[in-house]
Amino acid sequence: MLNTKTIFALFASAVILVGCTTPDTVTPEQIQIAKLRTELTRTSSDTKSLVNQIEDLSSRCRSLESENASLRNMLSQTQSSLRDVSSKVSETQQGVRELAKTSSRTEDIAALNKAYNQIVAQLKNMNEATLESQRKTDKNLQVIQGDAKTLQGYINENRTKLAQLEARLSEVDSRARQAAQQAAQRQTSSSSGSGSSSSAQQIVRTGKPSSPNISYDSLYEHVVAAGESIWMIARDYGVTITDIYNVNPDLTSTSLRVGQKIRVPKRQE
């Protein structure tokens, strides 16, 4: 069966990759990524619901199996008692026959017959109790079998859905990564094609937050990962490139190194 932790790990990686859209110009790739994030959230929620449903059905099946085991134990005890009574009946019948041959006392024979009739009545009651227990056992077995069949149907259906979700999540993750890489490539091409004067223009420090929701008093420390650019980091945190330059006065280049630590202002929603 599909490992749920793998699904949610994939979901988390896609969310981290996609990040938040920057308040600057919205590109078609950012719109596409936002749609994919919405779809990813929905499919993740569906997966959680299906997994919970499987767990509930499994718990119900275990409960019915425990109840059936108790009934079977009771039936075994009743059948053991029934065998004891049957043995007593046989002994009583034999005693009556022997007494009838050797004794002329009718009261003794009558007492034995009475005892014999009591044992027969007890045997009948125990037979009825045994049959009732058997009926209850059969009924519960039918319930268990029905629930087990239903459970198996849900499990098979959920396995199919989870497999589809896994494929969809992989597709969303791949498309999101491609969109981010393409945007980064365009940013790099634009920076290299505009020359040194254009690069110098990109490093602009205004000293003021680009939005009232952005605070320079509270900062994140971001460690640059492979393939990340300043534009991508600004987008992921919901700030502008200028905001990042404002809180990093020692940052003098548009290119970043893997493992480099930069400060990013927090955006208050």
Protein backbone atom coordinates (compact mmCIF):
# COMPACT_ATOMS: atom_id res chain seq x y z
CA MET A 1 0.00 0.00 0.00
CA LEU A 2 1.14 3.56 -0.61
CA ASN A 3 3.17 5.07 2.21
CA THR A 4 1.22 8.12 3.42
CA LYS A 5 4.33 9.76 4.84
CA THR A 6 5.89 9.70 1.36
CA ILE A 7 2.85 11.50 -0.06
CA PHE A 8 2.91 14.26 2.52
CA ALA A 9 6.70 14.63 2.21
CA LEU A 10 6.20 15.11 -1.53
CA PHE A 11 3.45 17.62 -0.80
CA ALA A 12 5.72 19.56 1.57
CA SER A 13 8.56 19.68 -0.95
CA ALA A 14 6.23 21.02 -3.63
CA VAL A 15 4.90 23.72 -1.30
CA ILE A 16 8.41 24.79 -0.33
CA LEU A 17 9.42 24.90 -3.99
CA VAL A 18 6.37 26.88 -5.09
CA GLY A 19 6.43 29.37 -2.19
CA CYS A 20 4.48 32.62 -2.09
CA THR A 21 3.99 34.93 -5.05
CA THR A 22 5.79 38.23 -4.92
CA PRO A 23 3.69 41.39 -4.77
CA ASP A 24 5.52 42.53 -7.91
CA THR A 25 4.38 41.63 -11.42
CA VAL A 26 2.54 38.30 -11.54
CA THR A 27 3.88 36.04 -14.29
CA PRO A 28 1.96 33.25 -16.08
CA GLU A 29 4.22 30.72 -14.38
CA GLN A 30 3.26 32.07 -10.95
CA ILE A 31 -0.43 31.79 -11.82
CA GLN A 32 0.10 28.21 -12.95
CA ILE A 33 2.00 27.36 -9.77
CA ALA A 34 -0.77 28.88 -7.61
CA LYS A 35 -3.34 26.67 -9.35
CA LEU A 36 -1.15 23.62 -8.84
CA ARG A 37 -0.76 24.44 -5.16
CA THR A 38 -4.55 24.58 -4.76
CA GLU A 39 -4.93 21.23 -6.48
CA LEU A 40 -2.13 19.76 -4.37
CA THR A 41 -3.83 20.87 -1.15
CA ARG A 42 -7.13 19.32 -2.23
CA THR A 43 -5.61 15.99 -3.20
CA SER A 44 -3.65 15.88 0.05
CA SER A 45 -6.87 16.42 2.01
CA ASP A 46 -8.56 13.63 0.05
CA THR A 47 -5.68 11.31 0.89
CA LYS A 48 -5.98 12.02 4.63
CA SER A 49 -9.72 11.32 4.50
CA LEU A 50 -9.25 8.00 2.72
CA VAL A 51 -6.56 6.85 5.15
CA ASN A 52 -8.79 7.70 8.15
CA GLN A 53 -11.64 5.76 6.57
CA ILE A 54 -9.47 2.67 6.20
CA GLU A 55 -8.39 2.91 9.85
CA ASP A 56 -12.02 3.18 11.04
CA LEU A 57 -13.08 0.12 9.06
CA SER A 58 -10.10 -1.88 10.30
CA SER A 59 -10.99 -1.03 13.91
CA ARG A 60 -14.59 -2.17 13.38
CA CYS A 61 -13.42 -5.46 11.86
CA ARG A 62 -11.11 -6.16 14.82
CA SER A 63 -13.97 -5.50 17.25
CA LEU A 64 -16.25 -7.98 15.49
CA GLU A 65 -13.54 -10.62 15.40
CA SER A 66 -13.05 -10.24 19.17
CA GLU A 67 -16.80 -10.61 19.78
CA ASN A 68 -16.92 -13.73 17.64
CA ALA A 69 -14.01 -15.26 19.57
CA SER A 70 -15.92 -14.73 22.83
CA LEU A 71 -19.02 -16.42 21.42
CA ARG A 72 -17.00 -19.37 20.22
CA ASN A 73 -15.46 -19.76 23.68
CA MET A 74 -18.92 -19.74 25.28
CA LEU A 75 -20.16 -22.31 22.78
CA SER A 76 -17.20 -24.56 23.57
CA GLN A 77 -17.97 -24.41 27.30
CA THR A 78 -21.66 -25.20 26.68
CA GLN A 79 -20.80 -28.19 24.54
CA SER A 80 -18.46 -29.49 27.27
CA SER A 81 -21.26 -29.24 29.82
CA LEU A 82 -23.60 -30.97 27.40
CA ARG A 83 -21.26 -33.92 27.17
CA ASP A 84 -21.22 -34.21 30.97
CA VAL A 85 -25.01 -34.24 31.13
CA SER A 86 -25.24 -36.84 28.39
CA SER A 87 -22.91 -39.07 30.41
CA LYS A 88 -25.14 -38.68 33.47
CA VAL A 89 -28.22 -39.57 31.45
CA SER A 90 -26.59 -42.76 30.23
CA GLU A 91 -25.63 -43.72 33.79
CA THR A 92 -29.16 -43.03 35.05
CA GLN A 93 -30.76 -45.11 32.32
CA GLN A 94 -28.45 -48.01 33.11
CA GLY A 95 -29.22 -47.74 36.86
CA VAL A 96 -32.96 -47.80 36.23
CA ARG A 97 -32.65 -50.95 34.14
CA GLU A 98 -30.58 -52.74 36.78
CA LEU A 99 -32.90 -51.72 39.60
CA ALA A 100 -35.97 -52.86 37.70
CA LYS A 101 -34.44 -56.35 37.43
CA THR A 102 -33.53 -56.75 41.14
CA SER A 103 -35.96 -54.59 43.15
CA SER A 104 -39.68 -54.78 43.73
CA ARG A 105 -39.83 -51.36 45.39
CA THR A 106 -41.77 -49.21 42.99
CA GLU A 107 -41.00 -46.03 44.96
CA ASP A 108 -37.28 -46.44 44.29
CA ILE A 109 -37.91 -46.93 40.59
CA ALA A 110 -40.26 -43.90 40.58
CA ALA A 111 -37.57 -41.75 42.26
CA LEU A 112 -35.00 -42.82 39.72
CA ASN A 113 -37.41 -42.14 36.87
CA LYS A 114 -38.04 -38.69 38.31
CA ALA A 115 -34.33 -38.00 38.49
CA TYR A 116 -33.97 -39.30 34.97
CA ASN A 117 -36.73 -36.99 33.68
CA GLN A 118 -35.07 -34.00 35.40
CA ILE A 119 -31.79 -34.77 33.73
CA VAL A 120 -33.52 -35.13 30.37
CA ALA A 121 -35.17 -31.71 30.88
CA GLN A 122 -31.81 -30.20 31.79
CA LEU A 123 -30.32 -31.77 28.69
CA LYS A 124 -33.07 -30.27 26.56
CA ASN A 125 -32.49 -26.78 28.03
CA MET A 126 -28.79 -27.05 27.41
CA ASN A 127 -29.41 -28.17 23.85
CA GLU A 128 -31.57 -25.09 23.28
CA ALA A 129 -28.92 -22.83 24.81
CA THR A 130 -26.28 -24.41 22.60
CA LEU A 131 -28.39 -23.88 19.49
CA GLU A 132 -29.04 -20.24 20.46
CA SER A 133 -25.31 -19.66 20.95
CA GLN A 134 -24.65 -21.26 17.60
CA ARG A 135 -27.20 -18.99 15.94
CA LYS A 136 -25.61 -15.91 17.51
CA THR A 137 -22.18 -17.08 16.41
CA ASP A 138 -23.37 -17.64 12.85
CA LYS A 139 -25.07 -14.24 12.77
CA ASN A 140 -21.96 -12.45 13.99
CA LEU A 141 -19.84 -14.39 11.53
CA GLN A 142 -22.07 -13.15 8.74
CA VAL A 143 -21.71 -9.58 10.00
CA ILE A 144 -17.94 -9.96 10.15
CA GLN A 145 -17.80 -11.44 6.67
CA GLY A 146 -19.96 -8.63 5.31
CA ASP A 147 -17.87 -5.95 6.97
CA ALA A 148 -14.68 -7.64 5.84
CA LYS A 149 -15.93 -7.67 2.26
CA THR A 150 -16.90 -4.00 2.50
CA LEU A 151 -13.54 -3.17 4.06
CA GLN A 152 -11.66 -4.96 1.32
CA GLY A 153 -13.65 -3.05 -1.28
CA TYR A 154 -12.76 0.27 0.35
CA ILE A 155 -9.13 -0.73 0.65
CA ASN A 156 -8.93 -1.67 -3.03
CA GLU A 157 -10.66 1.56 -4.02
CA ASN A 158 -8.43 3.65 -1.77
CA ARG A 159 -5.29 1.97 -3.08
CA THR A 160 -6.30 2.94 -6.59
CA LYS A 161 -7.05 6.53 -5.53
CA LEU A 162 -3.82 6.81 -3.58
CA ALA A 163 -1.84 5.55 -6.57
CA GLN A 164 -3.55 8.18 -8.72
CA LEU A 165 -2.81 10.85 -6.12
CA GLU A 166 0.84 9.84 -5.98
CA ALA A 167 1.12 10.12 -9.75
CA ARG A 168 -0.67 13.47 -9.70
CA LEU A 169 1.52 14.81 -6.89
CA SER A 170 4.64 13.76 -8.80
CA GLU A 171 3.32 15.53 -11.88
CA VAL A 172 2.52 18.71 -9.92
CA ASP A 173 5.94 18.69 -8.28
CA SER A 174 7.68 18.22 -11.62
CA ARG A 175 5.70 20.99 -13.31
CA ALA A 176 6.30 23.37 -10.41
CA ARG A 177 10.04 22.72 -10.52
CA GLN A 178 10.14 23.22 -14.27
CA ALA A 179 8.24 26.51 -13.98
CA ALA A 180 10.59 27.75 -11.26
CA GLN A 181 13.68 26.73 -13.24
CA GLN A 182 12.39 28.44 -16.37
CA ALA A 183 11.69 31.62 -14.43
CA ALA A 184 15.18 31.49 -12.89
CA GLN A 185 16.73 30.97 -16.33
CA ARG A 186 14.86 33.95 -17.76
CA GLN A 187 15.99 36.05 -14.79
CA THR A 188 19.60 34.95 -15.32
CA SER A 189 19.41 35.63 -19.06
CA SER A 190 17.93 39.05 -18.45
CA SER A 191 20.66 39.91 -15.95
CA SER A 192 23.52 38.74 -18.19
CA GLY A 193 22.10 40.36 -21.32
CA SER A 194 21.66 43.80 -19.80
CA GLY A 195 25.37 44.26 -19.00
CA SER A 196 27.08 45.65 -15.93
CA SER A 197 25.05 48.84 -15.86
CA SER A 198 21.80 46.82 -15.74
CA SER A 199 23.22 44.62 -12.95
CA ALA A 200 24.08 47.71 -10.98
CA GLN A 201 20.52 48.96 -11.38
CA GLN A 202 19.14 45.72 -9.94
CA ILE A 203 20.92 46.33 -6.64
CA VAL A 204 18.64 49.07 -5.35
CA ARG A 205 18.34 49.91 -1.67
CA THR A 206 15.54 52.22 -0.60
CA GLY A 207 15.87 51.57 3.13
CA LYS A 208 12.10 51.24 3.45
CA PRO A 209 9.87 48.15 3.33
CA SER A 210 8.00 47.75 0.07
CA SER A 211 4.76 47.06 1.96
CA PRO A 212 3.29 47.99 5.37
CA ASN A 213 2.98 44.24 6.05
CA ILE A 214 6.76 43.79 5.83
CA SER A 215 8.88 44.39 8.93
CA TYR A 216 12.64 44.86 8.98
CA ASP A 217 12.66 44.37 12.78
CA SER A 218 12.03 40.65 12.50
CA LEU A 219 14.17 38.67 10.06
CA TYR A 220 14.53 35.11 8.79
CA GLU A 221 17.95 33.61 8.13
CA HIS A 222 17.81 31.81 4.80
CA VAL A 223 20.48 29.33 3.67
CA VAL A 224 20.82 29.39 -0.11
CA ALA A 225 20.10 26.05 -1.80
CA ALA A 226 21.30 24.84 -5.19
CA GLY A 227 19.53 26.56 -8.07
CA GLU A 228 18.05 29.40 -5.97
CA SER A 229 18.24 33.03 -7.02
CA ILE A 230 17.41 36.24 -5.16
CA TRP A 231 14.23 36.50 -7.22
CA MET A 232 13.11 33.01 -6.18
CA ILE A 233 13.85 33.65 -2.49
CA ALA A 234 11.97 36.96 -2.56
CA ARG A 235 9.00 35.24 -4.19
CA ASP A 236 8.97 32.39 -1.67
CA TYR A 237 8.92 34.75 1.33
CA GLY A 238 6.43 37.19 -0.20
CA VAL A 239 8.82 40.14 -0.31
CA THR A 240 10.61 42.08 -3.05
CA ILE A 241 14.23 41.88 -4.16
CA THR A 242 14.73 45.43 -2.87
CA ASP A 243 13.54 44.30 0.60
CA ILE A 244 16.26 41.67 0.65
CA TYR A 245 18.94 44.16 -0.42
CA ASN A 246 17.72 46.61 2.23
CA VAL A 247 18.36 44.16 5.08
CA ASN A 248 21.60 42.80 3.55
CA PRO A 249 23.88 45.84 3.13
CA ASP A 250 26.88 43.56 2.64
CA LEU A 251 25.23 41.83 -0.34
CA THR A 252 26.85 43.32 -3.45
CA SER A 253 26.10 40.73 -6.13
CA THR A 254 22.99 39.32 -7.75
CA SER A 255 24.54 35.84 -7.81
CA LEU A 256 24.41 33.64 -4.72
CA ARG A 257 26.52 30.75 -3.44
CA VAL A 258 25.14 27.46 -2.20
CA GLY A 259 25.18 27.54 1.60
CA GLN A 260 25.36 31.35 1.74
CA LYS A 261 23.25 32.85 4.55
CA ILE A 262 21.15 35.93 3.85
CA ARG A 263 18.57 37.80 5.92
CA VAL A 264 14.96 37.99 4.74
CA PRO A 265 12.37 40.34 6.34
CA LYS A 266 9.17 38.81 7.68
CA ARG A 267 5.87 39.50 6.01
CA GLN A 268 2.95 39.92 8.45
CA GLU A 269 -0.34 38.65 7.01
